[in-house]
Amino acid sequence: MDNRYYRHNRRKYSLKVHIVLVTKYRKLLQGSIADDVKQKILDIANTRGYEIIAMETDKDHIHFLLSYDATDRVCDIVKIVKQETTYYLWQKYNSVLSKQYWKKKIFWSDGYFA
């Protein structure tokens, strides 16, 4: 059989999604913040059983191609990534982010592209 597919119980699948997350208002994905976001997404993928195939950042958005299980939903994956990266970044870069986002502790825009 072809090894590009995963098997689990009575399922055979190969699901991949290209996700684009955009920052809210500012161009902050530069330097160490971009590196930390990438590392945090890789950590999330490793703990949840996802596979990051490719990942790249620009000044105000991040692209990543993710392989996931058939029992997971894309909206749940995005929610987990947004929540955990936002919390992590606010813990580490509170002084930088509080100058940019002075009302709420946010980092990502409301939507996403998949």
C-alpha atoms as a PDB file:
ATOM      1  CA  MET A   1       0.000   0.000   0.000  1.00  0.00           C
ATOM      2  CA  ASP A   2       0.922   3.624  -0.369  1.00  0.00           C
ATOM      3  CA  ASN A   3       2.665   5.029   2.734  1.00  0.00           C
ATOM      4  CA  ARG A   4       1.393   8.582   2.119  1.00  0.00           C
ATOM      5  CA  TYR A   5      -1.797   7.678   3.962  1.00  0.00           C
ATOM      6  CA  TYR A   6      -2.327   7.201   7.675  1.00  0.00           C
ATOM      7  CA  ARG A   7      -4.415   4.365   9.018  1.00  0.00           C
ATOM      8  CA  HIS A   8      -6.314   4.269  12.255  1.00  0.00           C
ATOM      9  CA  ASN A   9      -9.134   1.835  13.066  1.00  0.00           C
ATOM     10  CA  ARG A  10     -11.236   1.742   9.904  1.00  0.00           C
ATOM     11  CA  ARG A  11      -9.982   5.020   8.500  1.00  0.00           C
ATOM     12  CA  LYS A  12      -7.403   5.745   5.835  1.00  0.00           C
ATOM     13  CA  TYR A  13      -6.599   9.422   5.399  1.00  0.00           C
ATOM     14  CA  SER A  14      -4.097  12.053   4.370  1.00  0.00           C
ATOM     15  CA  LEU A  15      -5.368  15.447   5.492  1.00  0.00           C
ATOM     16  CA  LYS A  16      -3.346  18.619   5.036  1.00  0.00           C
ATOM     17  CA  VAL A  17      -4.354  22.232   5.485  1.00  0.00           C
ATOM     18  CA  HIS A  18      -2.582  25.477   4.656  1.00  0.00           C
ATOM     19  CA  ILE A  19      -3.342  27.963   7.438  1.00  0.00           C
ATOM     20  CA  VAL A  20      -2.604  31.685   7.338  1.00  0.00           C
ATOM     21  CA  LEU A  21      -2.839  33.718  10.560  1.00  0.00           C
ATOM     22  CA  VAL A  22      -2.652  37.507  10.424  1.00  0.00           C
ATOM     23  CA  THR A  23      -1.631  39.804  13.288  1.00  0.00           C
ATOM     24  CA  LYS A  24      -4.065  42.416  14.503  1.00  0.00           C
ATOM     25  CA  TYR A  25      -3.218  45.936  13.201  1.00  0.00           C
ATOM     26  CA  ARG A  26       0.580  45.805  13.514  1.00  0.00           C
ATOM     27  CA  LYS A  27       3.594  44.339  11.748  1.00  0.00           C
ATOM     28  CA  LEU A  28       5.141  42.550  14.715  1.00  0.00           C
ATOM     29  CA  LEU A  29       6.238  39.188  13.321  1.00  0.00           C
ATOM     30  CA  GLN A  30       9.886  40.132  13.024  1.00  0.00           C
ATOM     31  CA  GLY A  31      13.070  39.056  14.759  1.00  0.00           C
ATOM     32  CA  SER A  32      12.760  37.089  17.960  1.00  0.00           C
ATOM     33  CA  ILE A  33       8.955  37.311  18.055  1.00  0.00           C
ATOM     34  CA  ALA A  34       8.727  35.500  14.705  1.00  0.00           C
ATOM     35  CA  ASP A  35      11.181  32.847  15.879  1.00  0.00           C
ATOM     36  CA  ASP A  36       9.264  32.344  19.116  1.00  0.00           C
ATOM     37  CA  VAL A  37       5.935  32.032  17.277  1.00  0.00           C
ATOM     38  CA  LYS A  38       7.413  29.407  14.966  1.00  0.00           C
ATOM     39  CA  GLN A  39       8.892  27.467  17.876  1.00  0.00           C
ATOM     40  CA  LYS A  40       5.640  27.615  19.852  1.00  0.00           C
ATOM     41  CA  ILE A  41       3.633  26.341  16.862  1.00  0.00           C
ATOM     42  CA  LEU A  42       6.122  23.486  16.456  1.00  0.00           C
ATOM     43  CA  ASP A  43       5.754  22.666  20.161  1.00  0.00           C
ATOM     44  CA  ILE A  44       1.961  22.666  19.871  1.00  0.00           C
ATOM     45  CA  ALA A  45       2.138  20.401  16.836  1.00  0.00           C
ATOM     46  CA  ASN A  46       4.441  17.958  18.603  1.00  0.00           C
ATOM     47  CA  THR A  47       2.274  17.720  21.718  1.00  0.00           C
ATOM     48  CA  ARG A  48      -1.001  17.384  19.773  1.00  0.00           C
ATOM     49  CA  GLY A  49       0.238  14.923  17.153  1.00  0.00           C
ATOM     50  CA  TYR A  50       0.201  17.253  14.139  1.00  0.00           C
ATOM     51  CA  GLU A  51       2.982  17.441  11.594  1.00  0.00           C
ATOM     52  CA  ILE A  52       4.233  20.798  10.335  1.00  0.00           C
ATOM     53  CA  ILE A  53       5.328  20.294   6.732  1.00  0.00           C
ATOM     54  CA  ALA A  54       6.315  23.915   6.021  1.00  0.00           C
ATOM     55  CA  MET A  55       6.189  27.230   7.885  1.00  0.00           C
ATOM     56  CA  GLU A  56       7.124  30.783   6.951  1.00  0.00           C
ATOM     57  CA  THR A  57       6.533  34.246   8.412  1.00  0.00           C
ATOM     58  CA  ASP A  58       6.252  37.732   6.995  1.00  0.00           C
ATOM     59  CA  LYS A  59       5.938  41.053   8.857  1.00  0.00           C
ATOM     60  CA  ASP A  60       2.241  40.661   9.625  1.00  0.00           C
ATOM     61  CA  HIS A  61       1.269  37.035   8.942  1.00  0.00           C
ATOM     62  CA  ILE A  62       2.406  33.416   9.179  1.00  0.00           C
ATOM     63  CA  HIS A  63       1.771  30.520   6.793  1.00  0.00           C
ATOM     64  CA  PHE A  64       2.026  26.890   7.788  1.00  0.00           C
ATOM     65  CA  LEU A  65       1.125  23.627   6.092  1.00  0.00           C
ATOM     66  CA  LEU A  66      -0.135  21.126   8.622  1.00  0.00           C
ATOM     67  CA  SER A  67      -0.960  17.431   8.435  1.00  0.00           C
ATOM     68  CA  TYR A  68      -3.596  16.387  10.957  1.00  0.00           C
ATOM     69  CA  ASP A  69      -5.787  13.492  12.071  1.00  0.00           C
ATOM     70  CA  ALA A  70      -9.252  12.830  10.658  1.00  0.00           C
ATOM     71  CA  THR A  71     -10.822  13.330  14.099  1.00  0.00           C
ATOM     72  CA  ASP A  72      -9.576  16.919  14.413  1.00  0.00           C
ATOM     73  CA  ARG A  73     -11.280  20.006  13.014  1.00  0.00           C
ATOM     74  CA  VAL A  74      -9.418  22.895  11.391  1.00  0.00           C
ATOM     75  CA  CYS A  75     -11.280  25.476  13.483  1.00  0.00           C
ATOM     76  CA  ASP A  76     -10.170  23.712  16.695  1.00  0.00           C
ATOM     77  CA  ILE A  77      -6.562  23.553  15.519  1.00  0.00           C
ATOM     78  CA  VAL A  78      -6.581  27.288  14.730  1.00  0.00           C
ATOM     79  CA  LYS A  79      -8.207  28.085  18.085  1.00  0.00           C
ATOM     80  CA  ILE A  80      -5.551  26.140  19.992  1.00  0.00           C
ATOM     81  CA  VAL A  81      -2.682  27.719  18.039  1.00  0.00           C
ATOM     82  CA  LYS A  82      -4.039  31.247  18.472  1.00  0.00           C
ATOM     83  CA  GLN A  83      -4.744  30.845  22.189  1.00  0.00           C
ATOM     84  CA  GLU A  84      -1.454  29.255  23.141  1.00  0.00           C
ATOM     85  CA  THR A  85       0.765  31.515  21.035  1.00  0.00           C
ATOM     86  CA  THR A  86      -1.014  34.667  22.245  1.00  0.00           C
ATOM     87  CA  TYR A  87      -0.668  33.649  25.887  1.00  0.00           C
ATOM     88  CA  TYR A  88       2.995  32.730  25.402  1.00  0.00           C
ATOM     89  CA  LEU A  89       3.854  35.976  23.591  1.00  0.00           C
ATOM     90  CA  TRP A  90       2.132  38.137  26.204  1.00  0.00           C
ATOM     91  CA  GLN A  91       4.039  36.333  28.948  1.00  0.00           C
ATOM     92  CA  LYS A  92       7.372  36.865  27.211  1.00  0.00           C
ATOM     93  CA  TYR A  93       6.919  40.233  25.431  1.00  0.00           C
ATOM     94  CA  ASN A  94       4.483  42.061  27.684  1.00  0.00           C
ATOM     95  CA  SER A  95       6.334  45.392  27.553  1.00  0.00           C
ATOM     96  CA  VAL A  96       6.561  45.384  23.734  1.00  0.00           C
ATOM     97  CA  LEU A  97       3.004  44.227  23.093  1.00  0.00           C
ATOM     98  CA  SER A  98       1.376  46.495  25.657  1.00  0.00           C
ATOM     99  CA  LYS A  99       2.678  49.516  23.710  1.00  0.00           C
ATOM    100  CA  GLN A 100       1.022  48.221  20.528  1.00  0.00           C
ATOM    101  CA  TYR A 101      -2.185  46.681  21.904  1.00  0.00           C
ATOM    102  CA  TRP A 102      -3.258  48.904  24.753  1.00  0.00           C
ATOM    103  CA  LYS A 103      -6.897  47.816  25.188  1.00  0.00           C
ATOM    104  CA  LYS A 104      -6.907  44.004  25.199  1.00  0.00           C
ATOM    105  CA  LYS A 105      -4.320  41.259  25.284  1.00  0.00           C
ATOM    106  CA  ILE A 106      -4.657  40.143  21.696  1.00  0.00           C
ATOM    107  CA  PHE A 107      -2.174  39.290  18.976  1.00  0.00           C
ATOM    108  CA  TRP A 108      -4.018  37.650  16.054  1.00  0.00           C
ATOM    109  CA  SER A 109      -6.892  39.019  14.001  1.00  0.00           C
ATOM    110  CA  ASP A 110     -10.333  37.432  14.398  1.00  0.00           C
ATOM    111  CA  GLY A 111     -10.362  35.262  11.283  1.00  0.00           C
ATOM    112  CA  TYR A 112      -8.000  32.935   9.500  1.00  0.00           C
ATOM    113  CA  PHE A 113      -7.433  31.588   6.004  1.00  0.00           C
ATOM    114  CA  ALA A 114      -7.392  27.845   5.367  1.00  0.00           C
END
